[in-house]
Amino acid sequence: MPDDPEVAALFALVAERLKQAHARVHALNVSADAKTALTRQLLIVTEAAKRDLPEAARRLSRFVQDLDEGPPPVR
């Protein structure tokens, strides 16, 4: 964990939201290809968090917002 309390709090928030997003993707009633594509997007966010935590938090927020707007098209 980072030494800065604000960074640590953001890290914990992003980690928890990533966990929740993965669970939501897993629970979707969509094709395996659609789940794979969504999981890849989450892995990109995870990788981004290693270099730019605020940007990863923004990307994750957009991802969750897209999920909130409706399920992805079924393929």
PDB file of N, CA and C in Angstrom:
ATOM      1  N   MET A   1       0.836  -1.186   0.000  1.00  0.00           N
ATOM      2  CA  MET A   1       0.000   0.000   0.000  1.00  0.00           C
ATOM      3  C   MET A   1       0.875   1.241   0.000  1.00  0.00           C
ATOM      4  N   PRO A   2       0.445   2.275  -0.697  1.00  0.00           N
ATOM      5  CA  PRO A   2       1.197   3.526  -0.716  1.00  0.00           C
ATOM      6  C   PRO A   2       1.218   4.193   0.655  1.00  0.00           C
ATOM      7  N   ASP A   3       2.244   5.039   0.870  1.00  0.00           N
ATOM      8  CA  ASP A   3       2.384   5.738   2.144  1.00  0.00           C
ATOM      9  C   ASP A   3       1.402   6.896   2.294  1.00  0.00           C
ATOM     10  N   ASP A   4       1.058   7.563   1.197  1.00  0.00           N
ATOM     11  CA  ASP A   4       0.143   8.700   1.226  1.00  0.00           C
ATOM     12  C   ASP A   4      -1.275   8.184   1.490  1.00  0.00           C
ATOM     13  N   PRO A   5      -1.925   8.676   2.558  1.00  0.00           N
ATOM     14  CA  PRO A   5      -3.272   8.178   2.895  1.00  0.00           C
ATOM     15  C   PRO A   5      -4.299   8.400   1.776  1.00  0.00           C
ATOM     16  N   GLU A   6      -4.198   9.506   1.050  1.00  0.00           N
ATOM     17  CA  GLU A   6      -5.151   9.763  -0.037  1.00  0.00           C
ATOM     18  C   GLU A   6      -4.951   8.781  -1.180  1.00  0.00           C
ATOM     19  N   VAL A   7      -3.702   8.504  -1.504  1.00  0.00           N
ATOM     20  CA  VAL A   7      -3.405   7.541  -2.567  1.00  0.00           C
ATOM     21  C   VAL A   7      -3.839   6.142  -2.120  1.00  0.00           C
ATOM     22  N   ALA A   8      -3.585   5.826  -0.878  1.00  0.00           N
ATOM     23  CA  ALA A   8      -3.991   4.516  -0.345  1.00  0.00           C
ATOM     24  C   ALA A   8      -5.505   4.359  -0.399  1.00  0.00           C
ATOM     25  N   ALA A   9      -6.224   5.420  -0.073  1.00  0.00           N
ATOM     26  CA  ALA A   9      -7.689   5.371  -0.110  1.00  0.00           C
ATOM     27  C   ALA A   9      -8.187   5.188  -1.540  1.00  0.00           C
ATOM     28  N   LEU A  10      -7.573   5.906  -2.494  1.00  0.00           N
ATOM     29  CA  LEU A  10      -7.967   5.759  -3.892  1.00  0.00           C
ATOM     30  C   LEU A  10      -7.632   4.359  -4.392  1.00  0.00           C
ATOM     31  N   PHE A  11      -6.482   3.851  -4.012  1.00  0.00           N
ATOM     32  CA  PHE A  11      -6.082   2.494  -4.387  1.00  0.00           C
ATOM     33  C   PHE A  11      -7.109   1.486  -3.877  1.00  0.00           C
ATOM     34  N   ALA A  12      -7.497   1.611  -2.618  1.00  0.00           N
ATOM     35  CA  ALA A  12      -8.475   0.688  -2.031  1.00  0.00           C
ATOM     36  C   ALA A  12      -9.826   0.805  -2.738  1.00  0.00           C
ATOM     37  N   LEU A  13     -10.226   2.022  -3.065  1.00  0.00           N
ATOM     38  CA  LEU A  13     -11.497   2.240  -3.756  1.00  0.00           C
ATOM     39  C   LEU A  13     -11.473   1.598  -5.145  1.00  0.00           C
ATOM     40  N   VAL A  14     -10.406   1.838  -5.890  1.00  0.00           N
ATOM     41  CA  VAL A  14     -10.300   1.269  -7.230  1.00  0.00           C
ATOM     42  C   VAL A  14     -10.275  -0.258  -7.153  1.00  0.00           C
ATOM     43  N   ALA A  15      -9.534  -0.797  -6.208  1.00  0.00           N
ATOM     44  CA  ALA A  15      -9.465  -2.252  -6.054  1.00  0.00           C
ATOM     45  C   ALA A  15     -10.850  -2.839  -5.763  1.00  0.00           C
ATOM     46  N   GLU A  16     -11.587  -2.227  -4.880  1.00  0.00           N
ATOM     47  CA  GLU A  16     -12.923  -2.720  -4.537  1.00  0.00           C
ATOM     48  C   GLU A  16     -13.874  -2.589  -5.729  1.00  0.00           C
ATOM     49  N   ARG A  17     -13.807  -1.465  -6.424  1.00  0.00           N
ATOM     50  CA  ARG A  17     -14.692  -1.269  -7.576  1.00  0.00           C
ATOM     51  C   ARG A  17     -14.346  -2.221  -8.721  1.00  0.00           C
ATOM     52  N   LEU A  18     -13.048  -2.529  -8.882  1.00  0.00           N
ATOM     53  CA  LEU A  18     -12.662  -3.519  -9.892  1.00  0.00           C
ATOM     54  C   LEU A  18     -13.237  -4.887  -9.542  1.00  0.00           C
ATOM     55  N   LYS A  19     -13.159  -5.237  -8.280  1.00  0.00           N
ATOM     56  CA  LYS A  19     -13.708  -6.519  -7.821  1.00  0.00           C
ATOM     57  C   LYS A  19     -15.214  -6.580  -8.108  1.00  0.00           C
ATOM     58  N   GLN A  20     -15.922  -5.504  -7.798  1.00  0.00           N
ATOM     59  CA  GLN A  20     -17.358  -5.454  -8.049  1.00  0.00           C
ATOM     60  C   GLN A  20     -17.666  -5.518  -9.542  1.00  0.00           C
ATOM     61  N   ALA A  21     -16.877  -4.807 -10.349  1.00  0.00           N
ATOM     62  CA  ALA A  21     -17.102  -4.808 -11.796  1.00  0.00           C
ATOM     63  C   ALA A  21     -16.871  -6.198 -12.377  1.00  0.00           C
ATOM     64  N   HIS A  22     -15.830  -6.882 -11.913  1.00  0.00           N
ATOM     65  CA  HIS A  22     -15.589  -8.251 -12.384  1.00  0.00           C
ATOM     66  C   HIS A  22     -16.773  -9.155 -12.020  1.00  0.00           C
ATOM     67  N   ALA A  23     -17.308  -8.992 -10.834  1.00  0.00           N
ATOM     68  CA  ALA A  23     -18.460  -9.803 -10.419  1.00  0.00           C
ATOM     69  C   ALA A  23     -19.677  -9.501 -11.295  1.00  0.00           C
ATOM     70  N   ARG A  24     -19.873  -8.239 -11.612  1.00  0.00           N
ATOM     71  CA  ARG A  24     -21.002  -7.867 -12.466  1.00  0.00           C
ATOM     72  C   ARG A  24     -20.860  -8.464 -13.857  1.00  0.00           C
ATOM     73  N   VAL A  25     -19.652  -8.400 -14.406  1.00  0.00           N
ATOM     74  CA  VAL A  25     -19.415  -8.967 -15.731  1.00  0.00           C
ATOM     75  C   VAL A  25     -19.659 -10.477 -15.693  1.00  0.00           C
ATOM     76  N   HIS A  26     -19.157 -11.119 -14.664  1.00  0.00           N
ATOM     77  CA  HIS A  26     -19.332 -12.572 -14.529  1.00  0.00           C
ATOM     78  C   HIS A  26     -20.814 -12.951 -14.487  1.00  0.00           C
ATOM     79  N   ALA A  27     -21.632 -12.104 -13.887  1.00  0.00           N
ATOM     80  CA  ALA A  27     -23.058 -12.402 -13.718  1.00  0.00           C
ATOM     81  C   ALA A  27     -23.907 -12.060 -14.945  1.00  0.00           C
ATOM     82  N   LEU A  28     -23.332 -11.363 -15.920  1.00  0.00           N
ATOM     83  CA  LEU A  28     -24.113 -10.974 -17.091  1.00  0.00           C
ATOM     84  C   LEU A  28     -24.551 -12.192 -17.894  1.00  0.00           C
ATOM     85  N   ASN A  29     -25.727 -12.089 -18.453  1.00  0.00           N
ATOM     86  CA  ASN A  29     -26.259 -13.138 -19.315  1.00  0.00           C
ATOM     87  C   ASN A  29     -25.949 -12.767 -20.765  1.00  0.00           C
ATOM     88  N   VAL A  30     -24.669 -12.891 -21.117  1.00  0.00           N
ATOM     89  CA  VAL A  30     -24.203 -12.577 -22.467  1.00  0.00           C
ATOM     90  C   VAL A  30     -23.295 -13.706 -22.936  1.00  0.00           C
ATOM     91  N   SER A  31     -22.916 -13.630 -24.183  1.00  0.00           N
ATOM     92  CA  SER A  31     -22.059 -14.665 -24.747  1.00  0.00           C
ATOM     93  C   SER A  31     -20.684 -14.666 -24.080  1.00  0.00           C
ATOM     94  N   ALA A  32     -20.005 -15.777 -24.234  1.00  0.00           N
ATOM     95  CA  ALA A  32     -18.647 -15.884 -23.690  1.00  0.00           C
ATOM     96  C   ALA A  32     -17.730 -14.853 -24.337  1.00  0.00           C
ATOM     97  N   ASP A  33     -17.931 -14.589 -25.621  1.00  0.00           N
ATOM     98  CA  ASP A  33     -17.111 -13.584 -26.311  1.00  0.00           C
ATOM     99  C   ASP A  33     -17.322 -12.191 -25.717  1.00  0.00           C
ATOM    100  N   ALA A  34     -18.569 -11.869 -25.408  1.00  0.00           N
ATOM    101  CA  ALA A  34     -18.860 -10.562 -24.815  1.00  0.00           C
ATOM    102  C   ALA A  34     -18.224 -10.454 -23.429  1.00  0.00           C
ATOM    103  N   LYS A  35     -18.327 -11.513 -22.644  1.00  0.00           N
ATOM    104  CA  LYS A  35     -17.701 -11.505 -21.312  1.00  0.00           C
ATOM    105  C   LYS A  35     -16.192 -11.377 -21.425  1.00  0.00           C
ATOM    106  N   THR A  36     -15.615 -12.061 -22.387  1.00  0.00           N
ATOM    107  CA  THR A  36     -14.163 -11.980 -22.592  1.00  0.00           C
ATOM    108  C   THR A  36     -13.754 -10.556 -22.940  1.00  0.00           C
ATOM    109  N   ALA A  37     -14.499  -9.911 -23.812  1.00  0.00           N
ATOM    110  CA  ALA A  37     -14.181  -8.538 -24.207  1.00  0.00           C
ATOM    111  C   ALA A  37     -14.288  -7.587 -23.009  1.00  0.00           C
ATOM    112  N   LEU A  38     -15.336  -7.752 -22.211  1.00  0.00           N
ATOM    113  CA  LEU A  38     -15.506  -6.900 -21.033  1.00  0.00           C
ATOM    114  C   LEU A  38     -14.403  -7.157 -20.000  1.00  0.00           C
ATOM    115  N   THR A  39     -14.045  -8.412 -19.830  1.00  0.00           N
ATOM    116  CA  THR A  39     -12.977  -8.748 -18.895  1.00  0.00           C
ATOM    117  C   THR A  39     -11.657  -8.139 -19.352  1.00  0.00           C
ATOM    118  N   ARG A  40     -11.411  -8.159 -20.640  1.00  0.00           N
ATOM    119  CA  ARG A  40     -10.190  -7.526 -21.167  1.00  0.00           C
ATOM    120  C   ARG A  40     -10.162  -6.037 -20.846  1.00  0.00           C
ATOM    121  N   GLN A  41     -11.320  -5.383 -20.971  1.00  0.00           N
ATOM    122  CA  GLN A  41     -11.385  -3.957 -20.634  1.00  0.00           C
ATOM    123  C   GLN A  41     -11.026  -3.738 -19.167  1.00  0.00           C
ATOM    124  N   LEU A  42     -11.503  -4.609 -18.307  1.00  0.00           N
ATOM    125  CA  LEU A  42     -11.177  -4.481 -16.884  1.00  0.00           C
ATOM    126  C   LEU A  42      -9.696  -4.752 -16.627  1.00  0.00           C
ATOM    127  N   LEU A  43      -9.118  -5.668 -17.359  1.00  0.00           N
ATOM    128  CA  LEU A  43      -7.684  -5.929 -17.213  1.00  0.00           C
ATOM    129  C   LEU A  43      -6.857  -4.733 -17.669  1.00  0.00           C
ATOM    130  N   ILE A  44      -7.331  -4.018 -18.671  1.00  0.00           N
ATOM    131  CA  ILE A  44      -6.654  -2.797 -19.108  1.00  0.00           C
ATOM    132  C   ILE A  44      -6.701  -1.752 -18.004  1.00  0.00           C
ATOM    133  N   VAL A  45      -7.837  -1.634 -17.339  1.00  0.00           N
ATOM    134  CA  VAL A  45      -7.956  -0.698 -16.211  1.00  0.00           C
ATOM    135  C   VAL A  45      -7.005  -1.115 -15.088  1.00  0.00           C
ATOM    136  N   THR A  46      -6.940  -2.403 -14.815  1.00  0.00           N
ATOM    137  CA  THR A  46      -6.043  -2.901 -13.773  1.00  0.00           C
ATOM    138  C   THR A  46      -4.599  -2.554 -14.100  1.00  0.00           C
ATOM    139  N   GLU A  47      -4.211  -2.756 -15.333  1.00  0.00           N
ATOM    140  CA  GLU A  47      -2.844  -2.428 -15.754  1.00  0.00           C
ATOM    141  C   GLU A  47      -2.587  -0.924 -15.661  1.00  0.00           C
ATOM    142  N   ALA A  48      -3.574  -0.130 -16.036  1.00  0.00           N
ATOM    143  CA  ALA A  48      -3.436   1.327 -15.961  1.00  0.00           C
ATOM    144  C   ALA A  48      -3.245   1.789 -14.520  1.00  0.00           C
ATOM    145  N   ALA A  49      -3.865   1.094 -13.587  1.00  0.00           N
ATOM    146  CA  ALA A  49      -3.761   1.477 -12.172  1.00  0.00           C
ATOM    147  C   ALA A  49      -2.326   1.378 -11.670  1.00  0.00           C
ATOM    148  N   LYS A  50      -1.532   0.549 -12.295  1.00  0.00           N
ATOM    149  CA  LYS A  50      -0.131   0.405 -11.884  1.00  0.00           C
ATOM    150  C   LYS A  50       0.687   1.640 -12.243  1.00  0.00           C
ATOM    151  N   ARG A  51       0.249   2.366 -13.278  1.00  0.00           N
ATOM    152  CA  ARG A  51       1.005   3.524 -13.746  1.00  0.00           C
ATOM    153  C   ARG A  51       0.342   4.857 -13.435  1.00  0.00           C
ATOM    154  N   ASP A  52      -0.988   4.891 -13.510  1.00  0.00           N
ATOM    155  CA  ASP A  52      -1.718   6.155 -13.358  1.00  0.00           C
ATOM    156  C   ASP A  52      -3.048   5.863 -12.663  1.00  0.00           C
ATOM    157  N   LEU A  53      -3.003   5.877 -11.349  1.00  0.00           N
ATOM    158  CA  LEU A  53      -4.176   5.499 -10.555  1.00  0.00           C
ATOM    159  C   LEU A  53      -5.389   6.400 -10.809  1.00  0.00           C
ATOM    160  N   PRO A  54      -5.229   7.728 -10.850  1.00  0.00           N
ATOM    161  CA  PRO A  54      -6.409   8.568 -11.129  1.00  0.00           C
ATOM    162  C   PRO A  54      -7.039   8.279 -12.500  1.00  0.00           C
ATOM    163  N   GLU A  55      -6.205   8.043 -13.509  1.00  0.00           N
ATOM    164  CA  GLU A  55      -6.743   7.719 -14.832  1.00  0.00           C
ATOM    165  C   GLU A  55      -7.470   6.378 -14.799  1.00  0.00           C
ATOM    166  N   ALA A  56      -6.917   5.413 -14.091  1.00  0.00           N
ATOM    167  CA  ALA A  56      -7.581   4.118 -13.964  1.00  0.00           C
ATOM    168  C   ALA A  56      -8.934   4.279 -13.282  1.00  0.00           C
ATOM    169  N   ALA A  57      -8.998   5.125 -12.271  1.00  0.00           N
ATOM    170  CA  ALA A  57     -10.272   5.370 -11.581  1.00  0.00           C
ATOM    171  C   ALA A  57     -11.292   5.979 -12.537  1.00  0.00           C
ATOM    172  N   ARG A  58     -10.851   6.906 -13.387  1.00  0.00           N
ATOM    173  CA  ARG A  58     -11.760   7.508 -14.375  1.00  0.00           C
ATOM    174  C   ARG A  58     -12.243   6.459 -15.380  1.00  0.00           C
ATOM    175  N   ARG A  59     -11.316   5.641 -15.880  1.00  0.00           N
ATOM    176  CA  ARG A  59     -11.687   4.610 -16.846  1.00  0.00           C
ATOM    177  C   ARG A  59     -12.672   3.617 -16.227  1.00  0.00           C
ATOM    178  N   LEU A  60     -12.428   3.257 -14.991  1.00  0.00           N
ATOM    179  CA  LEU A  60     -13.317   2.320 -14.312  1.00  0.00           C
ATOM    180  C   LEU A  60     -14.698   2.935 -14.117  1.00  0.00           C
ATOM    181  N   SER A  61     -14.748   4.211 -13.776  1.00  0.00           N
ATOM    182  CA  SER A  61     -16.043   4.890 -13.624  1.00  0.00           C
ATOM    183  C   SER A  61     -16.820   4.869 -14.934  1.00  0.00           C
ATOM    184  N   ARG A  62     -16.129   5.130 -16.054  1.00  0.00           N
ATOM    185  CA  ARG A  62     -16.800   5.084 -17.358  1.00  0.00           C
ATOM    186  C   ARG A  62     -17.298   3.665 -17.667  1.00  0.00           C
ATOM    187  N   PHE A  63     -16.482   2.673 -17.345  1.00  0.00           N
ATOM    188  CA  PHE A  63     -16.860   1.283 -17.583  1.00  0.00           C
ATOM    189  C   PHE A  63     -18.125   0.939 -16.789  1.00  0.00           C
ATOM    190  N   VAL A  64     -18.144   1.291 -15.514  1.00  0.00           N
ATOM    191  CA  VAL A  64     -19.299   0.997 -14.662  1.00  0.00           C
ATOM    192  C   VAL A  64     -20.518   1.773 -15.144  1.00  0.00           C
ATOM    193  N   GLN A  65     -20.314   3.003 -15.571  1.00  0.00           N
ATOM    194  CA  GLN A  65     -21.428   3.793 -16.089  1.00  0.00           C
ATOM    195  C   GLN A  65     -22.023   3.114 -17.324  1.00  0.00           C
ATOM    196  N   ASP A  66     -21.173   2.604 -18.201  1.00  0.00           N
ATOM    197  CA  ASP A  66     -21.662   1.886 -19.374  1.00  0.00           C
ATOM    198  C   ASP A  66     -22.452   0.646 -18.966  1.00  0.00           C
ATOM    199  N   LEU A  67     -21.966  -0.076 -17.953  1.00  0.00           N
ATOM    200  CA  LEU A  67     -22.713  -1.245 -17.469  1.00  0.00           C
ATOM    201  C   LEU A  67     -24.062  -0.832 -16.884  1.00  0.00           C
ATOM    202  N   ASP A  68     -24.085   0.303 -16.179  1.00  0.00           N
ATOM    203  CA  ASP A  68     -25.323   0.790 -15.578  1.00  0.00           C
ATOM    204  C   ASP A  68     -26.360   1.176 -16.633  1.00  0.00           C
ATOM    205  N   GLU A  69     -25.866   1.627 -17.792  1.00  0.00           N
ATOM    206  CA  GLU A  69     -26.781   2.065 -18.848  1.00  0.00           C
ATOM    207  C   GLU A  69     -27.457   0.901 -19.550  1.00  0.00           C
ATOM    208  N   GLY A  70     -26.937  -0.271 -19.367  1.00  0.00           N
ATOM    209  CA  GLY A  70     -27.575  -1.439 -19.964  1.00  0.00           C
ATOM    210  C   GLY A  70     -26.547  -2.483 -20.326  1.00  0.00           C
ATOM    211  N   PRO A  71     -27.006  -3.690 -20.476  1.00  0.00           N
ATOM    212  CA  PRO A  71     -26.074  -4.764 -20.817  1.00  0.00           C
ATOM    213  C   PRO A  71     -25.514  -4.566 -22.224  1.00  0.00           C
ATOM    214  N   PRO A  72     -24.334  -5.081 -22.457  1.00  0.00           N
ATOM    215  CA  PRO A  72     -23.770  -4.976 -23.811  1.00  0.00           C
ATOM    216  C   PRO A  72     -24.593  -5.825 -24.772  1.00  0.00           C
ATOM    217  N   PRO A  73     -24.501  -5.540 -26.050  1.00  0.00           N
ATOM    218  CA  PRO A  73     -25.266  -6.344 -27.012  1.00  0.00           C
ATOM    219  C   PRO A  73     -24.851  -7.813 -26.929  1.00  0.00           C
ATOM    220  N   VAL A  74     -25.824  -8.695 -27.022  1.00  0.00           N
ATOM    221  CA  VAL A  74     -25.564 -10.128 -26.993  1.00  0.00           C
ATOM    222  C   VAL A  74     -25.095 -10.554 -28.379  1.00  0.00           C
ATOM    223  N   ARG A  75     -24.005 -11.335 -28.399  1.00  0.00           N
ATOM    224  CA  ARG A  75     -23.464 -11.791 -29.686  1.00  0.00           C
ATOM    225  C   ARG A  75     -23.624 -13.269 -29.813  1.00  0.00           C
TER     226      ARG A  75
END
